[in-house]
Amino acid sequence: MLEMQDDMNARVDRDWINHDREWYRAIWIECAELMDHYGGWKWWKSSQKDLEQAMLEIVDIWHFGLSIRISADKNHAPASAQIVGEWLAVETSNGFLKDVERLASFALHEKGFLVAIVPALLNGIDRGFDDLYRAYVGKNVLNVFRQDHGYRDGSYIKFWSGREDNEHLVELLAELDADADDFEAQIYAALEQRYATVAA
């Protein structure tokens, strides 16, 4: 995943590592979106949980967190070992919404990524590491697809047949075999097939 993230970031900005981006800011913004998809915190109105989209928000946070952790020397082994160690030192959950706030607070105050809270977040939506990996690969491919189809210059169409591309991705991932050697290629091809009808 670190290698995939490095490649994706370089697709947007070849010299991304030397530009000192505010990845932590992206994390806390995504935390707000995660809370909205999880629902239940707006006492003044009815809200529905959308756990599939909550999962993709966790994946977005994971993307930005990995970006923080990637080392400038392109050797991902030390970052990988550190992430695994922190993952295994799981933080005690204080409830999903409070866990999200801890993640956001850490990003704001430490300008970093609190890996150890992610397993608790996944557990809070009945998911685990395998789900994170599958969704990460899918979202990474979607991000590449977006870049290939004009996301940066604004020509990309994000809503397909009245639904956001993320929703289509969730459907496609449910149909595909994550253990297939060409999993990434299958995702891209499936996205291409759906997008072709929208862009036509």
C-alpha atoms as a PDB file:
ATOM      1  CA  MET A   1       0.000   0.000   0.000  1.00  0.00           C
ATOM      2  CA  LEU A   2       2.905   2.371   0.676  1.00  0.00           C
ATOM      3  CA  GLU A   3       4.236   1.722  -2.811  1.00  0.00           C
ATOM      4  CA  MET A   4       0.807   2.245  -4.359  1.00  0.00           C
ATOM      5  CA  GLN A   5       0.390   5.507  -2.424  1.00  0.00           C
ATOM      6  CA  ASP A   6       3.819   6.745  -3.441  1.00  0.00           C
ATOM      7  CA  ASP A   7       3.009   6.002  -7.093  1.00  0.00           C
ATOM      8  CA  MET A   8      -0.379   7.722  -6.848  1.00  0.00           C
ATOM      9  CA  ASN A   9       1.074  10.835  -5.239  1.00  0.00           C
ATOM     10  CA  ALA A  10       3.796  10.978  -7.901  1.00  0.00           C
ATOM     11  CA  ARG A  11       1.103  10.782 -10.563  1.00  0.00           C
ATOM     12  CA  VAL A  12      -0.297  14.080  -9.271  1.00  0.00           C
ATOM     13  CA  ASP A  13       3.087  15.661  -8.490  1.00  0.00           C
ATOM     14  CA  ARG A  14       6.307  13.909  -9.528  1.00  0.00           C
ATOM     15  CA  ASP A  15       8.275  15.690  -6.791  1.00  0.00           C
ATOM     16  CA  TRP A  16       5.543  15.381  -4.143  1.00  0.00           C
ATOM     17  CA  ILE A  17       7.832  14.254  -1.309  1.00  0.00           C
ATOM     18  CA  ASN A  18       9.796  17.506  -1.419  1.00  0.00           C
ATOM     19  CA  HIS A  19       6.715  19.731  -1.371  1.00  0.00           C
ATOM     20  CA  ASP A  20       5.837  19.161   2.291  1.00  0.00           C
ATOM     21  CA  ARG A  21       2.078  18.885   1.767  1.00  0.00           C
ATOM     22  CA  GLU A  22      -0.346  19.270   4.686  1.00  0.00           C
ATOM     23  CA  TRP A  23      -1.557  15.666   4.706  1.00  0.00           C
ATOM     24  CA  TYR A  24      -2.640  16.058   8.326  1.00  0.00           C
ATOM     25  CA  ARG A  25      -5.151  18.706   7.222  1.00  0.00           C
ATOM     26  CA  ALA A  26      -6.688  16.306   4.730  1.00  0.00           C
ATOM     27  CA  ILE A  27      -7.023  13.743   7.557  1.00  0.00           C
ATOM     28  CA  TRP A  28      -9.083  15.935   9.860  1.00  0.00           C
ATOM     29  CA  ILE A  29     -11.282  17.124   7.008  1.00  0.00           C
ATOM     30  CA  GLU A  30     -11.941  13.488   6.065  1.00  0.00           C
ATOM     31  CA  CYS A  31     -12.752  12.788   9.724  1.00  0.00           C
ATOM     32  CA  ALA A  32     -15.714  15.178   9.439  1.00  0.00           C
ATOM     33  CA  GLU A  33     -16.922  13.343   6.332  1.00  0.00           C
ATOM     34  CA  LEU A  34     -16.491  10.019   8.131  1.00  0.00           C
ATOM     35  CA  MET A  35     -18.675  11.215  11.005  1.00  0.00           C
ATOM     36  CA  ASP A  36     -21.376  12.303   8.560  1.00  0.00           C
ATOM     37  CA  HIS A  37     -21.459   8.884   6.878  1.00  0.00           C
ATOM     38  CA  TYR A  38     -21.459   7.093  10.240  1.00  0.00           C
ATOM     39  CA  GLY A  39     -24.368   9.274  11.308  1.00  0.00           C
ATOM     40  CA  GLY A  40     -26.112   9.608  14.615  1.00  0.00           C
ATOM     41  CA  TRP A  41     -24.420  12.766  15.851  1.00  0.00           C
ATOM     42  CA  LYS A  42     -26.868  15.338  14.469  1.00  0.00           C
ATOM     43  CA  TRP A  43     -29.491  15.289  17.191  1.00  0.00           C
ATOM     44  CA  TRP A  44     -31.552  17.946  15.404  1.00  0.00           C
ATOM     45  CA  LYS A  45     -32.338  15.805  12.360  1.00  0.00           C
ATOM     46  CA  SER A  46     -32.717  12.273  11.137  1.00  0.00           C
ATOM     47  CA  SER A  47     -29.592  10.700   9.689  1.00  0.00           C
ATOM     48  CA  GLN A  48     -28.872   7.310   8.196  1.00  0.00           C
ATOM     49  CA  LYS A  49     -25.674   5.297   8.501  1.00  0.00           C
ATOM     50  CA  ASP A  50     -23.889   4.507   5.266  1.00  0.00           C
ATOM     51  CA  LEU A  51     -21.210   2.084   6.401  1.00  0.00           C
ATOM     52  CA  GLU A  52     -19.882   1.438   2.893  1.00  0.00           C
ATOM     53  CA  GLN A  53     -19.149   5.134   2.443  1.00  0.00           C
ATOM     54  CA  ALA A  54     -17.822   5.333   6.019  1.00  0.00           C
ATOM     55  CA  MET A  55     -15.390   2.586   5.026  1.00  0.00           C
ATOM     56  CA  LEU A  56     -14.236   4.625   2.033  1.00  0.00           C
ATOM     57  CA  GLU A  57     -13.703   7.659   4.274  1.00  0.00           C
ATOM     58  CA  ILE A  58     -11.457   5.532   6.505  1.00  0.00           C
ATOM     59  CA  VAL A  59      -9.624   4.495   3.339  1.00  0.00           C
ATOM     60  CA  ASP A  60      -9.212   8.156   2.342  1.00  0.00           C
ATOM     61  CA  ILE A  61      -7.766   8.857   5.782  1.00  0.00           C
ATOM     62  CA  TRP A  62      -5.463   5.853   5.323  1.00  0.00           C
ATOM     63  CA  HIS A  63      -4.275   7.302   1.984  1.00  0.00           C
ATOM     64  CA  PHE A  64      -3.298  10.568   3.639  1.00  0.00           C
ATOM     65  CA  GLY A  65      -1.805   8.808   6.643  1.00  0.00           C
ATOM     66  CA  LEU A  66       0.393   6.649   4.425  1.00  0.00           C
ATOM     67  CA  SER A  67       1.496   9.791   2.621  1.00  0.00           C
ATOM     68  CA  ILE A  68       2.668  11.223   5.937  1.00  0.00           C
ATOM     69  CA  ARG A  69       4.618   8.060   6.687  1.00  0.00           C
ATOM     70  CA  ILE A  70       6.386   7.540   3.362  1.00  0.00           C
ATOM     71  CA  SER A  71      10.064   8.316   3.711  1.00  0.00           C
ATOM     72  CA  ALA A  72      11.936  10.540   1.288  1.00  0.00           C
ATOM     73  CA  ASP A  73      14.500   7.843   0.486  1.00  0.00           C
ATOM     74  CA  LYS A  74      11.814   5.657  -1.158  1.00  0.00           C
ATOM     75  CA  ASN A  75      12.621   2.808   1.231  1.00  0.00           C
ATOM     76  CA  HIS A  76       9.199   1.860   2.520  1.00  0.00           C
ATOM     77  CA  ALA A  77      10.404  -0.935   4.825  1.00  0.00           C
ATOM     78  CA  PRO A  78      10.983   1.265   7.926  1.00  0.00           C
ATOM     79  CA  ALA A  79       7.624   3.003   7.522  1.00  0.00           C
ATOM     80  CA  SER A  80       5.930  -0.346   6.991  1.00  0.00           C
ATOM     81  CA  ALA A  81       7.474  -1.821  10.144  1.00  0.00           C
ATOM     82  CA  GLN A  82       6.442   1.202  12.178  1.00  0.00           C
ATOM     83  CA  ILE A  83       2.870   1.096  10.871  1.00  0.00           C
ATOM     84  CA  VAL A  84       2.574  -2.624  11.670  1.00  0.00           C
ATOM     85  CA  GLY A  85       3.867  -2.036  15.187  1.00  0.00           C
ATOM     86  CA  GLU A  86       1.400   0.762  15.797  1.00  0.00           C
ATOM     87  CA  TRP A  87      -1.438  -1.255  14.262  1.00  0.00           C
ATOM     88  CA  LEU A  88      -0.773  -4.098  16.690  1.00  0.00           C
ATOM     89  CA  ALA A  89      -0.729  -1.662  19.642  1.00  0.00           C
ATOM     90  CA  VAL A  90      -4.441  -1.008  19.214  1.00  0.00           C
ATOM     91  CA  GLU A  91      -5.864   1.939  21.141  1.00  0.00           C
ATOM     92  CA  THR A  92      -8.823   1.289  23.441  1.00  0.00           C
ATOM     93  CA  SER A  93     -12.030   2.452  21.829  1.00  0.00           C
ATOM     94  CA  ASN A  94     -14.092   5.162  23.486  1.00  0.00           C
ATOM     95  CA  GLY A  95     -16.896   4.796  20.941  1.00  0.00           C
ATOM     96  CA  PHE A  96     -16.774   5.399  17.217  1.00  0.00           C
ATOM     97  CA  LEU A  97     -17.401   9.141  17.140  1.00  0.00           C
ATOM     98  CA  LYS A  98     -14.968   9.841  19.977  1.00  0.00           C
ATOM     99  CA  ASP A  99     -12.367   7.673  18.235  1.00  0.00           C
ATOM    100  CA  VAL A 100     -12.797   9.742  15.074  1.00  0.00           C
ATOM    101  CA  GLU A 101     -12.327  12.888  17.157  1.00  0.00           C
ATOM    102  CA  ARG A 102      -9.104  11.458  18.616  1.00  0.00           C
ATOM    103  CA  LEU A 103      -7.807  10.841  15.121  1.00  0.00           C
ATOM    104  CA  ALA A 104      -8.755  14.372  14.042  1.00  0.00           C
ATOM    105  CA  SER A 105      -7.278  15.894  17.205  1.00  0.00           C
ATOM    106  CA  PHE A 106      -4.002  14.032  16.694  1.00  0.00           C
ATOM    107  CA  ALA A 107      -3.837  15.262  13.109  1.00  0.00           C
ATOM    108  CA  LEU A 108      -4.486  18.852  14.194  1.00  0.00           C
ATOM    109  CA  HIS A 109      -2.155  18.967  17.174  1.00  0.00           C
ATOM    110  CA  GLU A 110       0.630  16.582  16.135  1.00  0.00           C
ATOM    111  CA  LYS A 111       0.298  17.057  12.370  1.00  0.00           C
ATOM    112  CA  GLY A 112       0.534  13.287  12.138  1.00  0.00           C
ATOM    113  CA  PHE A 113      -1.387  10.056  11.704  1.00  0.00           C
ATOM    114  CA  LEU A 114      -2.602   7.979  14.661  1.00  0.00           C
ATOM    115  CA  VAL A 115      -2.418   4.512  13.106  1.00  0.00           C
ATOM    116  CA  ALA A 116      -3.353   2.703  16.329  1.00  0.00           C
ATOM    117  CA  ILE A 117      -6.913   4.067  16.318  1.00  0.00           C
ATOM    118  CA  VAL A 118      -7.713   2.751  12.824  1.00  0.00           C
ATOM    119  CA  PRO A 119      -8.366  -0.872  13.929  1.00  0.00           C
ATOM    120  CA  ALA A 120     -10.898   0.459  16.461  1.00  0.00           C
ATOM    121  CA  LEU A 121     -12.609   2.493  13.732  1.00  0.00           C
ATOM    122  CA  LEU A 122     -12.786  -0.547  11.476  1.00  0.00           C
ATOM    123  CA  ASN A 123     -14.147  -2.649  14.312  1.00  0.00           C
ATOM    124  CA  GLY A 124     -16.779   0.039  14.884  1.00  0.00           C
ATOM    125  CA  ILE A 125     -18.182  -0.620  11.416  1.00  0.00           C
ATOM    126  CA  ASP A 126     -17.652  -4.416  11.568  1.00  0.00           C
ATOM    127  CA  ARG A 127     -14.647  -4.416   9.255  1.00  0.00           C
ATOM    128  CA  GLY A 128     -11.042  -5.553   9.548  1.00  0.00           C
ATOM    129  CA  PHE A 129      -7.662  -5.241   7.880  1.00  0.00           C
ATOM    130  CA  ASP A 130      -8.602  -7.355   4.843  1.00  0.00           C
ATOM    131  CA  ASP A 131     -11.536  -5.027   4.207  1.00  0.00           C
ATOM    132  CA  LEU A 132      -9.226  -2.027   4.529  1.00  0.00           C
ATOM    133  CA  TYR A 133      -6.786  -3.529   2.031  1.00  0.00           C
ATOM    134  CA  ARG A 134      -9.473  -4.412  -0.511  1.00  0.00           C
ATOM    135  CA  ALA A 135     -11.095  -0.985  -0.256  1.00  0.00           C
ATOM    136  CA  TYR A 136      -7.697   0.737  -0.329  1.00  0.00           C
ATOM    137  CA  VAL A 137      -6.731  -0.958  -3.580  1.00  0.00           C
ATOM    138  CA  GLY A 138     -10.117  -0.075  -5.051  1.00  0.00           C
ATOM    139  CA  LYS A 139      -9.956   3.582  -4.032  1.00  0.00           C
ATOM    140  CA  ASN A 140      -6.350   3.858  -5.166  1.00  0.00           C
ATOM    141  CA  VAL A 141      -7.365   2.586  -8.605  1.00  0.00           C
ATOM    142  CA  LEU A 142     -10.299   5.020  -8.639  1.00  0.00           C
ATOM    143  CA  ASN A 143      -7.913   7.854  -7.781  1.00  0.00           C
ATOM    144  CA  VAL A 144      -5.648   6.850 -10.675  1.00  0.00           C
ATOM    145  CA  PHE A 145      -8.717   6.596 -12.908  1.00  0.00           C
ATOM    146  CA  ARG A 146      -9.821  10.089 -11.853  1.00  0.00           C
ATOM    147  CA  GLN A 147      -6.396  11.520 -12.678  1.00  0.00           C
ATOM    148  CA  ASP A 148      -6.389   9.773 -16.066  1.00  0.00           C
ATOM    149  CA  HIS A 149      -9.772  11.302 -16.870  1.00  0.00           C
ATOM    150  CA  GLY A 150      -9.212  14.938 -15.963  1.00  0.00           C
ATOM    151  CA  TYR A 151      -9.766  15.179 -12.205  1.00  0.00           C
ATOM    152  CA  ARG A 152      -7.100  17.824 -11.809  1.00  0.00           C
ATOM    153  CA  ASP A 153      -8.188  20.058 -14.678  1.00  0.00           C
ATOM    154  CA  GLY A 154     -11.867  19.753 -13.739  1.00  0.00           C
ATOM    155  CA  SER A 155     -13.078  17.803 -16.755  1.00  0.00           C
ATOM    156  CA  TYR A 156     -13.723  14.565 -14.847  1.00  0.00           C
ATOM    157  CA  ILE A 157     -17.398  13.704 -14.292  1.00  0.00           C
ATOM    158  CA  LYS A 158     -17.752  12.534 -10.676  1.00  0.00           C
ATOM    159  CA  PHE A 159     -21.467  11.671 -10.711  1.00  0.00           C
ATOM    160  CA  TRP A 160     -22.463   8.747 -12.884  1.00  0.00           C
ATOM    161  CA  SER A 161     -26.176   8.196 -13.479  1.00  0.00           C
ATOM    162  CA  GLY A 162     -26.978  10.339 -10.451  1.00  0.00           C
ATOM    163  CA  ARG A 163     -24.554   8.641  -8.065  1.00  0.00           C
ATOM    164  CA  GLU A 164     -21.018   9.503  -6.988  1.00  0.00           C
ATOM    165  CA  ASP A 165     -18.214   7.377  -8.435  1.00  0.00           C
ATOM    166  CA  ASN A 166     -17.447   6.088  -4.913  1.00  0.00           C
ATOM    167  CA  GLU A 167     -20.849   4.393  -4.841  1.00  0.00           C
ATOM    168  CA  HIS A 168     -20.152   2.680  -8.144  1.00  0.00           C
ATOM    169  CA  LEU A 169     -16.779   1.569  -6.787  1.00  0.00           C
ATOM    170  CA  VAL A 170     -18.426  -0.133  -3.798  1.00  0.00           C
ATOM    171  CA  GLU A 171     -20.654  -2.127  -6.159  1.00  0.00           C
ATOM    172  CA  LEU A 172     -17.758  -3.120  -8.383  1.00  0.00           C
ATOM    173  CA  LEU A 173     -15.587  -4.242  -5.469  1.00  0.00           C
ATOM    174  CA  ALA A 174     -18.384  -6.529  -4.280  1.00  0.00           C
ATOM    175  CA  GLU A 175     -18.339  -8.256  -7.678  1.00  0.00           C
ATOM    176  CA  LEU A 176     -14.571  -8.698  -8.078  1.00  0.00           C
ATOM    177  CA  ASP A 177     -12.084 -11.156  -6.563  1.00  0.00           C
ATOM    178  CA  ALA A 178      -9.518  -9.298  -4.445  1.00  0.00           C
ATOM    179  CA  ASP A 179      -7.206 -12.332  -4.611  1.00  0.00           C
ATOM    180  CA  ALA A 180      -6.972 -12.229  -8.398  1.00  0.00           C
ATOM    181  CA  ASP A 181      -3.513 -11.374  -9.744  1.00  0.00           C
ATOM    182  CA  ASP A 182      -5.045  -8.708 -11.960  1.00  0.00           C
ATOM    183  CA  PHE A 183      -7.395  -7.249  -9.304  1.00  0.00           C
ATOM    184  CA  GLU A 184      -6.249  -3.675  -9.955  1.00  0.00           C
ATOM    185  CA  ALA A 185      -6.618  -4.067 -13.719  1.00  0.00           C
ATOM    186  CA  GLN A 186     -10.104  -5.541 -13.278  1.00  0.00           C
ATOM    187  CA  ILE A 187     -11.185  -2.573 -11.149  1.00  0.00           C
ATOM    188  CA  TYR A 188      -9.841  -0.081 -13.695  1.00  0.00           C
ATOM    189  CA  ALA A 189     -11.536  -1.881 -16.594  1.00  0.00           C
ATOM    190  CA  ALA A 190     -14.852  -2.019 -14.731  1.00  0.00           C
ATOM    191  CA  LEU A 191     -14.644   1.689 -13.920  1.00  0.00           C
ATOM    192  CA  GLU A 192     -13.804   2.438 -17.549  1.00  0.00           C
ATOM    193  CA  GLN A 193     -16.828   0.491 -18.743  1.00  0.00           C
ATOM    194  CA  ARG A 194     -19.232   2.354 -16.456  1.00  0.00           C
ATOM    195  CA  TYR A 195     -17.649   5.745 -17.082  1.00  0.00           C
ATOM    196  CA  ALA A 196     -17.836   5.354 -20.852  1.00  0.00           C
ATOM    197  CA  THR A 197     -21.629   5.619 -20.774  1.00  0.00           C
ATOM    198  CA  VAL A 198     -21.463   8.833 -18.711  1.00  0.00           C
ATOM    199  CA  ALA A 199     -18.694  10.535 -20.684  1.00  0.00           C
ATOM    200  CA  ALA A 200     -20.250   9.678 -24.066  1.00  0.00           C
END
